[in-house]
Amino acid sequence: MEPVTLATTIVALMFTEAIKQPGKALGEAATEKITQLITTIREKFKVVKREGILADAEQEPTPDNQLEFKRVLEQQITKDRDFGEKLTELVQQLEAAGVFRQKMLTDVETEETLEAGNLTQKSNLTGSGDQEMAKNLKAKNIKFGDLTQEI
């Protein structure tokens, strides 16, 4: 998995509502994998003296803190191939366990008109996760067709 894709996937997984309450929404295997993922990242960030970035994102998961966490995570994945491979393996195990997060049309900013036709967001996965659509949009005008989310 490319570093930017892997980092984006990890941020989406770590900050999904299902992960925030693992005992309620996730199975035991998925909860264990999430814990392994976060522990692996925490250990790496500690070694490179960037653990504050993770702590900030966990304590205050604002878009800015998540973006900074993603930026540093992507850098570390790029610099350390073994770290990236370990994270890829854990993400694949989480996906196999049915943990998912889908985002569509989020964090878009334009000075002109934002226009989209009919959009459908579907998940064929069973398990825990969430979907986001049309969030944090900034535009002079916004025009949409039908927006549908299905699980």
N, C-alpha and C. Protein backbone atom coordinates (compact mmCIF):
# COMPACT_ATOMS: atom_id res chain seq x y z
N MET A 1 0.85 -1.17 0.00
CA MET A 1 0.00 0.00 0.00
C MET A 1 0.90 1.24 0.00
N GLU A 2 0.56 2.23 -0.81
CA GLU A 2 1.33 3.47 -0.87
C GLU A 2 1.24 4.20 0.47
N PRO A 3 2.30 4.91 0.86
CA PRO A 3 2.30 5.60 2.16
C PRO A 3 1.11 6.54 2.38
N VAL A 4 0.74 7.31 1.38
CA VAL A 4 -0.38 8.26 1.56
C VAL A 4 -1.69 7.50 1.75
N THR A 5 -1.89 6.42 1.00
CA THR A 5 -3.11 5.62 1.13
C THR A 5 -3.16 4.93 2.48
N LEU A 6 -2.03 4.37 2.89
CA LEU A 6 -1.97 3.69 4.18
C LEU A 6 -2.23 4.66 5.33
N ALA A 7 -1.58 5.83 5.29
CA ALA A 7 -1.77 6.82 6.35
C ALA A 7 -3.22 7.30 6.39
N THR A 8 -3.81 7.53 5.24
CA THR A 8 -5.21 7.98 5.17
C THR A 8 -6.14 6.91 5.73
N THR A 9 -5.90 5.66 5.39
CA THR A 9 -6.72 4.54 5.88
C THR A 9 -6.60 4.43 7.40
N ILE A 10 -5.39 4.55 7.92
CA ILE A 10 -5.18 4.44 9.37
C ILE A 10 -5.88 5.56 10.10
N VAL A 11 -5.77 6.78 9.61
CA VAL A 11 -6.46 7.91 10.25
C VAL A 11 -7.96 7.66 10.25
N ALA A 12 -8.50 7.21 9.13
CA ALA A 12 -9.94 6.92 9.05
C ALA A 12 -10.33 5.84 10.05
N LEU A 13 -9.53 4.79 10.15
CA LEU A 13 -9.83 3.71 11.10
C LEU A 13 -9.73 4.17 12.55
N MET A 14 -8.68 4.92 12.85
CA MET A 14 -8.44 5.31 14.24
C MET A 14 -9.48 6.29 14.78
N PHE A 15 -10.07 7.08 13.91
CA PHE A 15 -10.97 8.11 14.40
C PHE A 15 -12.42 7.87 14.03
N THR A 16 -12.76 6.63 13.71
CA THR A 16 -14.15 6.27 13.46
C THR A 16 -14.88 6.10 14.80
N GLU A 17 -16.15 6.35 14.81
CA GLU A 17 -16.94 6.22 16.04
C GLU A 17 -16.90 4.80 16.59
N ALA A 18 -16.86 3.81 15.72
CA ALA A 18 -16.85 2.42 16.18
C ALA A 18 -15.60 2.12 17.00
N ILE A 19 -14.49 2.75 16.66
CA ILE A 19 -13.24 2.51 17.37
C ILE A 19 -13.25 3.19 18.74
N LYS A 20 -13.94 4.30 18.84
CA LYS A 20 -13.97 5.04 20.10
C LYS A 20 -14.65 4.26 21.22
N GLN A 21 -15.52 3.31 20.84
CA GLN A 21 -16.21 2.47 21.82
C GLN A 21 -16.03 1.01 21.42
N PRO A 22 -14.79 0.52 21.43
CA PRO A 22 -14.51 -0.80 20.87
C PRO A 22 -15.28 -1.94 21.51
N GLY A 23 -15.52 -1.91 22.76
CA GLY A 23 -16.23 -3.00 23.42
C GLY A 23 -17.66 -3.14 22.94
N LYS A 24 -18.25 -2.04 22.50
CA LYS A 24 -19.64 -2.06 22.08
C LYS A 24 -19.81 -2.46 20.62
N ALA A 25 -18.94 -1.97 19.75
CA ALA A 25 -19.17 -2.12 18.33
C ALA A 25 -18.30 -3.17 17.66
N LEU A 26 -17.13 -3.43 18.17
CA LEU A 26 -16.19 -4.32 17.51
C LEU A 26 -16.11 -5.66 18.22
N GLY A 27 -15.75 -6.67 17.46
CA GLY A 27 -15.50 -7.96 18.05
C GLY A 27 -14.15 -7.98 18.73
N GLU A 28 -13.89 -9.04 19.46
CA GLU A 28 -12.64 -9.15 20.23
C GLU A 28 -11.42 -9.13 19.31
N ALA A 29 -11.47 -9.82 18.18
CA ALA A 29 -10.33 -9.87 17.26
C ALA A 29 -10.03 -8.49 16.68
N ALA A 30 -11.08 -7.77 16.29
CA ALA A 30 -10.87 -6.44 15.72
C ALA A 30 -10.34 -5.47 16.78
N THR A 31 -10.86 -5.56 17.99
CA THR A 31 -10.37 -4.71 19.08
C THR A 31 -8.89 -4.97 19.34
N GLU A 32 -8.49 -6.22 19.30
CA GLU A 32 -7.09 -6.58 19.50
C GLU A 32 -6.21 -6.00 18.39
N LYS A 33 -6.67 -6.05 17.16
CA LYS A 33 -5.90 -5.51 16.02
C LYS A 33 -5.79 -4.00 16.09
N ILE A 34 -6.87 -3.33 16.49
CA ILE A 34 -6.82 -1.87 16.65
C ILE A 34 -5.79 -1.52 17.72
N THR A 35 -5.80 -2.25 18.81
CA THR A 35 -4.83 -2.02 19.90
C THR A 35 -3.41 -2.23 19.39
N GLN A 36 -3.19 -3.28 18.61
CA GLN A 36 -1.86 -3.53 18.04
C GLN A 36 -1.44 -2.41 17.09
N LEU A 37 -2.37 -1.93 16.29
CA LEU A 37 -2.09 -0.86 15.35
C LEU A 37 -1.66 0.41 16.09
N ILE A 38 -2.44 0.80 17.07
CA ILE A 38 -2.13 2.02 17.83
C ILE A 38 -0.84 1.85 18.62
N THR A 39 -0.62 0.68 19.21
CA THR A 39 0.62 0.44 19.96
C THR A 39 1.84 0.50 19.04
N THR A 40 1.73 -0.07 17.86
CA THR A 40 2.83 -0.03 16.89
C THR A 40 3.17 1.41 16.52
N ILE A 41 2.14 2.21 16.27
CA ILE A 41 2.35 3.62 15.92
C ILE A 41 2.92 4.39 17.11
N ARG A 42 2.38 4.14 18.29
CA ARG A 42 2.85 4.83 19.50
C ARG A 42 4.34 4.55 19.73
N GLU A 43 4.73 3.28 19.58
CA GLU A 43 6.14 2.91 19.78
C GLU A 43 7.04 3.59 18.76
N LYS A 44 6.61 3.63 17.51
CA LYS A 44 7.40 4.28 16.46
C LYS A 44 7.53 5.77 16.72
N PHE A 45 6.41 6.42 17.07
CA PHE A 45 6.44 7.85 17.32
C PHE A 45 7.31 8.18 18.53
N LYS A 46 7.33 7.28 19.50
CA LYS A 46 8.18 7.49 20.68
C LYS A 46 9.65 7.45 20.28
N VAL A 47 10.02 6.48 19.46
CA VAL A 47 11.41 6.33 19.01
C VAL A 47 11.88 7.58 18.25
N VAL A 48 11.00 8.14 17.43
CA VAL A 48 11.38 9.32 16.63
C VAL A 48 11.00 10.63 17.33
N LYS A 49 10.65 10.52 18.60
CA LYS A 49 10.32 11.68 19.45
C LYS A 49 9.20 12.55 18.88
N ARG A 50 8.14 11.88 18.39
CA ARG A 50 6.96 12.58 17.86
C ARG A 50 5.69 12.11 18.55
N GLU A 51 5.83 11.50 19.75
CA GLU A 51 4.66 10.92 20.42
C GLU A 51 3.59 11.96 20.76
N GLY A 52 3.98 13.22 20.90
CA GLY A 52 3.01 14.28 21.19
C GLY A 52 1.99 14.46 20.08
N ILE A 53 2.40 14.19 18.85
CA ILE A 53 1.49 14.31 17.71
C ILE A 53 0.33 13.32 17.85
N LEU A 54 0.66 12.08 18.20
CA LEU A 54 -0.37 11.06 18.39
C LEU A 54 -1.25 11.42 19.59
N ALA A 55 -0.63 11.83 20.68
CA ALA A 55 -1.40 12.18 21.89
C ALA A 55 -2.38 13.32 21.59
N ASP A 56 -1.93 14.33 20.87
CA ASP A 56 -2.82 15.45 20.52
C ASP A 56 -4.00 14.96 19.69
N ALA A 57 -3.74 14.11 18.70
CA ALA A 57 -4.81 13.62 17.84
C ALA A 57 -5.80 12.75 18.60
N GLU A 58 -5.29 11.95 19.55
CA GLU A 58 -6.18 11.10 20.34
C GLU A 58 -7.01 11.91 21.32
N GLN A 59 -6.39 12.89 21.98
CA GLN A 59 -7.09 13.67 22.99
C GLN A 59 -8.04 14.70 22.38
N GLU A 60 -7.63 15.30 21.28
CA GLU A 60 -8.46 16.29 20.58
C GLU A 60 -8.42 15.96 19.09
N PRO A 61 -9.30 15.08 18.63
CA PRO A 61 -9.25 14.64 17.24
C PRO A 61 -9.84 15.67 16.25
N THR A 62 -9.33 16.89 16.34
CA THR A 62 -9.78 17.94 15.41
C THR A 62 -9.21 17.65 14.02
N PRO A 63 -9.80 18.21 12.98
CA PRO A 63 -9.25 18.00 11.63
C PRO A 63 -7.77 18.40 11.54
N ASP A 64 -7.37 19.49 12.19
CA ASP A 64 -5.97 19.92 12.14
C ASP A 64 -5.06 18.90 12.82
N ASN A 65 -5.46 18.39 13.99
CA ASN A 65 -4.64 17.39 14.69
C ASN A 65 -4.57 16.08 13.92
N GLN A 66 -5.68 15.68 13.32
CA GLN A 66 -5.67 14.47 12.51
C GLN A 66 -4.79 14.64 11.28
N LEU A 67 -4.83 15.81 10.67
CA LEU A 67 -4.01 16.08 9.49
C LEU A 67 -2.52 16.06 9.84
N GLU A 68 -2.15 16.65 10.96
CA GLU A 68 -0.75 16.63 11.40
C GLU A 68 -0.31 15.22 11.73
N PHE A 69 -1.16 14.46 12.40
CA PHE A 69 -0.85 13.05 12.69
C PHE A 69 -0.64 12.29 11.39
N LYS A 70 -1.53 12.48 10.43
CA LYS A 70 -1.44 11.79 9.13
C LYS A 70 -0.14 12.17 8.43
N ARG A 71 0.23 13.44 8.47
CA ARG A 71 1.46 13.90 7.82
C ARG A 71 2.69 13.22 8.40
N VAL A 72 2.78 13.18 9.73
CA VAL A 72 3.93 12.55 10.39
C VAL A 72 3.91 11.04 10.16
N LEU A 73 2.73 10.43 10.23
CA LEU A 73 2.62 9.00 9.99
C LEU A 73 3.09 8.65 8.58
N GLU A 74 2.66 9.42 7.61
CA GLU A 74 3.07 9.18 6.22
C GLU A 74 4.59 9.31 6.08
N GLN A 75 5.18 10.29 6.73
CA GLN A 75 6.65 10.45 6.69
C GLN A 75 7.35 9.21 7.25
N GLN A 76 6.86 8.72 8.38
CA GLN A 76 7.50 7.56 9.01
C GLN A 76 7.33 6.29 8.17
N ILE A 77 6.17 6.15 7.54
CA ILE A 77 5.93 5.00 6.66
C ILE A 77 6.89 5.05 5.47
N THR A 78 7.09 6.25 4.94
CA THR A 78 8.00 6.43 3.80
C THR A 78 9.45 6.14 4.19
N LYS A 79 9.85 6.59 5.37
CA LYS A 79 11.24 6.42 5.83
C LYS A 79 11.56 5.00 6.27
N ASP A 80 10.58 4.29 6.83
CA ASP A 80 10.83 2.98 7.43
C ASP A 80 9.94 1.91 6.77
N ARG A 81 10.52 1.20 5.84
CA ARG A 81 9.76 0.20 5.06
C ARG A 81 9.15 -0.88 5.96
N ASP A 82 9.91 -1.35 6.96
CA ASP A 82 9.40 -2.39 7.87
C ASP A 82 8.19 -1.90 8.64
N PHE A 83 8.23 -0.65 9.10
CA PHE A 83 7.10 -0.04 9.81
C PHE A 83 5.88 -0.01 8.89
N GLY A 84 6.07 0.42 7.65
CA GLY A 84 4.97 0.48 6.69
C GLY A 84 4.38 -0.90 6.41
N GLU A 85 5.25 -1.90 6.30
CA GLU A 85 4.77 -3.26 6.04
C GLU A 85 3.97 -3.81 7.23
N LYS A 86 4.43 -3.52 8.44
CA LYS A 86 3.71 -3.96 9.65
C LYS A 86 2.32 -3.31 9.70
N LEU A 87 2.27 -2.01 9.43
CA LEU A 87 0.98 -1.31 9.45
C LEU A 87 0.05 -1.83 8.34
N THR A 88 0.61 -2.09 7.17
CA THR A 88 -0.20 -2.64 6.07
C THR A 88 -0.82 -3.97 6.48
N GLU A 89 -0.01 -4.80 7.10
CA GLU A 89 -0.50 -6.11 7.56
C GLU A 89 -1.65 -5.95 8.56
N LEU A 90 -1.48 -5.05 9.51
CA LEU A 90 -2.53 -4.84 10.52
C LEU A 90 -3.80 -4.27 9.90
N VAL A 91 -3.66 -3.35 8.97
CA VAL A 91 -4.84 -2.78 8.30
C VAL A 91 -5.57 -3.86 7.51
N GLN A 92 -4.83 -4.70 6.82
CA GLN A 92 -5.46 -5.79 6.07
C GLN A 92 -6.20 -6.75 6.99
N GLN A 93 -5.64 -7.01 8.16
CA GLN A 93 -6.31 -7.88 9.13
C GLN A 93 -7.58 -7.22 9.66
N LEU A 94 -7.55 -5.92 9.85
CA LEU A 94 -8.75 -5.20 10.29
C LEU A 94 -9.83 -5.22 9.21
N GLU A 95 -9.42 -5.02 7.97
CA GLU A 95 -10.39 -5.07 6.88
C GLU A 95 -11.00 -6.47 6.79
N ALA A 96 -10.20 -7.50 6.98
CA ALA A 96 -10.71 -8.87 6.96
C ALA A 96 -11.68 -9.13 8.11
N ALA A 97 -11.48 -8.40 9.23
CA ALA A 97 -12.36 -8.56 10.39
C ALA A 97 -13.66 -7.76 10.23
N GLY A 98 -13.77 -6.99 9.15
CA GLY A 98 -15.01 -6.27 8.89
C GLY A 98 -15.07 -4.87 9.46
N VAL A 99 -13.94 -4.27 9.79
CA VAL A 99 -13.92 -2.89 10.26
C VAL A 99 -13.74 -1.99 9.04
N PHE A 100 -14.62 -1.02 8.88
CA PHE A 100 -14.52 -0.17 7.71
C PHE A 100 -14.91 1.27 8.02
N ARG A 101 -14.45 2.16 7.15
CA ARG A 101 -14.85 3.56 7.22
C ARG A 101 -14.81 4.09 5.80
N GLN A 102 -15.89 4.72 5.41
CA GLN A 102 -15.97 5.28 4.07
C GLN A 102 -16.19 6.78 4.17
N LYS A 103 -15.47 7.51 3.35
CA LYS A 103 -15.65 8.96 3.28
C LYS A 103 -15.86 9.33 1.82
N MET A 104 -16.81 10.21 1.60
CA MET A 104 -17.05 10.69 0.25
C MET A 104 -17.40 12.17 0.32
N LEU A 105 -16.74 12.94 -0.50
CA LEU A 105 -17.01 14.36 -0.60
C LEU A 105 -16.87 15.04 0.77
N THR A 106 -15.71 14.88 1.38
CA THR A 106 -15.45 15.52 2.67
C THR A 106 -14.24 16.44 2.54
N ASP A 107 -14.28 17.50 3.32
CA ASP A 107 -13.17 18.46 3.38
C ASP A 107 -12.83 19.03 2.01
N VAL A 108 -13.85 19.52 1.31
CA VAL A 108 -13.66 20.11 -0.01
C VAL A 108 -13.89 21.62 0.11
N GLU A 109 -12.98 22.38 -0.52
CA GLU A 109 -13.09 23.83 -0.48
C GLU A 109 -12.83 24.38 -1.88
N THR A 110 -13.71 25.25 -2.34
CA THR A 110 -13.55 25.92 -3.62
C THR A 110 -14.18 27.31 -3.55
N GLU A 111 -13.67 28.21 -4.34
CA GLU A 111 -14.24 29.56 -4.38
C GLU A 111 -15.38 29.63 -5.39
N GLU A 112 -15.56 28.59 -6.13
CA GLU A 112 -16.59 28.53 -7.16
C GLU A 112 -17.74 27.65 -6.70
N THR A 113 -18.47 27.11 -7.65
CA THR A 113 -19.59 26.21 -7.37
C THR A 113 -19.09 24.79 -7.23
N LEU A 114 -19.57 24.12 -6.19
CA LEU A 114 -19.30 22.69 -6.00
C LEU A 114 -20.56 21.97 -6.46
N GLU A 115 -20.40 21.15 -7.49
CA GLU A 115 -21.56 20.47 -8.06
C GLU A 115 -21.26 18.98 -8.21
N ALA A 116 -22.19 18.16 -7.77
CA ALA A 116 -22.06 16.71 -7.90
C ALA A 116 -23.40 16.12 -8.28
N GLY A 117 -23.36 15.12 -9.11
CA GLY A 117 -24.59 14.45 -9.52
C GLY A 117 -25.08 13.53 -8.42
N ASN A 118 -25.68 12.45 -8.80
CA ASN A 118 -26.17 11.48 -7.83
C ASN A 118 -24.99 10.70 -7.27
N LEU A 119 -24.89 10.62 -5.95
CA LEU A 119 -23.80 9.92 -5.29
C LEU A 119 -24.36 8.82 -4.41
N THR A 120 -23.77 7.64 -4.52
CA THR A 120 -24.18 6.51 -3.69
C THR A 120 -22.94 5.95 -3.01
N GLN A 121 -23.06 5.76 -1.73
CA GLN A 121 -21.98 5.18 -0.93
C GLN A 121 -22.51 3.86 -0.38
N LYS A 122 -21.87 2.75 -0.79
CA LYS A 122 -22.33 1.42 -0.38
C LYS A 122 -21.20 0.67 0.29
N SER A 123 -21.59 -0.16 1.23
CA SER A 123 -20.63 -1.08 1.84
C SER A 123 -21.21 -2.47 1.77
N ASN A 124 -20.42 -3.39 1.26
CA ASN A 124 -20.83 -4.80 1.25
C ASN A 124 -20.25 -5.54 2.44
N LEU A 125 -19.51 -4.81 3.26
CA LEU A 125 -18.87 -5.42 4.42
C LEU A 125 -19.86 -5.59 5.55
N THR A 126 -19.69 -6.64 6.30
CA THR A 126 -20.43 -6.79 7.54
C THR A 126 -19.43 -6.54 8.65
N GLY A 127 -19.85 -5.92 9.68
CA GLY A 127 -18.93 -5.62 10.76
C GLY A 127 -19.21 -4.23 11.29
N SER A 128 -18.17 -3.56 11.74
CA SER A 128 -18.31 -2.26 12.37
C SER A 128 -17.66 -1.19 11.52
N GLY A 129 -18.29 -0.06 11.47
CA GLY A 129 -17.72 1.05 10.73
C GLY A 129 -18.72 2.17 10.59
N ASP A 130 -18.35 3.16 9.79
CA ASP A 130 -19.27 4.25 9.54
C ASP A 130 -19.00 4.87 8.18
N GLN A 131 -19.91 5.72 7.78
CA GLN A 131 -19.81 6.40 6.50
C GLN A 131 -19.99 7.90 6.72
N GLU A 132 -19.25 8.68 5.96
CA GLU A 132 -19.41 10.13 5.96
C GLU A 132 -19.60 10.58 4.52
N MET A 133 -20.52 11.52 4.34
CA MET A 133 -20.73 12.07 3.01
C MET A 133 -21.08 13.54 3.15
N ALA A 134 -20.48 14.35 2.30
CA ALA A 134 -20.76 15.78 2.24
C ALA A 134 -20.54 16.45 3.60
N LYS A 135 -19.30 16.39 4.06
CA LYS A 135 -18.94 16.97 5.36
C LYS A 135 -17.82 17.99 5.16
N ASN A 136 -17.90 19.09 5.90
CA ASN A 136 -16.88 20.15 5.86
C ASN A 136 -16.68 20.68 4.44
N LEU A 137 -17.76 21.15 3.85
CA LEU A 137 -17.71 21.68 2.50
C LEU A 137 -17.76 23.21 2.54
N LYS A 138 -16.92 23.85 1.72
CA LYS A 138 -16.92 25.31 1.61
C LYS A 138 -16.92 25.66 0.14
N ALA A 139 -17.97 26.39 -0.28
CA ALA A 139 -18.08 26.79 -1.67
C ALA A 139 -19.04 27.97 -1.77
N LYS A 140 -18.93 28.70 -2.87
CA LYS A 140 -19.84 29.82 -3.12
C LYS A 140 -21.27 29.29 -3.29
N ASN A 141 -21.41 28.22 -4.06
CA ASN A 141 -22.69 27.54 -4.26
C ASN A 141 -22.44 26.04 -4.19
N ILE A 142 -23.42 25.31 -3.66
CA ILE A 142 -23.32 23.86 -3.60
C ILE A 142 -24.58 23.26 -4.21
N LYS A 143 -24.40 22.36 -5.18
CA LYS A 143 -25.52 21.72 -5.84
C LYS A 143 -25.28 20.21 -5.88
N PHE A 144 -26.25 19.46 -5.37
CA PHE A 144 -26.15 18.00 -5.38
C PHE A 144 -27.39 17.39 -6.02
N GLY A 145 -27.19 16.20 -6.56
CA GLY A 145 -28.31 15.36 -6.96
C GLY A 145 -28.71 14.55 -5.73
N ASP A 146 -29.13 13.33 -5.94
CA ASP A 146 -29.50 12.45 -4.82
C ASP A 146 -28.25 11.93 -4.12
N LEU A 147 -28.26 11.97 -2.80
CA LEU A 147 -27.18 11.43 -1.98
C LEU A 147 -27.72 10.23 -1.23
N THR A 148 -27.05 9.06 -1.37
CA THR A 148 -27.53 7.83 -0.74
C THR A 148 -26.39 7.13 -0.05
N GLN A 149 -26.67 6.64 1.16
CA GLN A 149 -25.72 5.80 1.88
C GLN A 149 -26.39 4.49 2.22
N GLU A 150 -25.69 3.38 1.96
CA GLU A 150 -26.26 2.06 2.22
C GLU A 150 -25.20 1.18 2.88
N ILE A 151 -25.64 0.42 3.86
CA ILE A 151 -24.77 -0.58 4.47
C ILE A 151 -25.43 -1.93 4.28
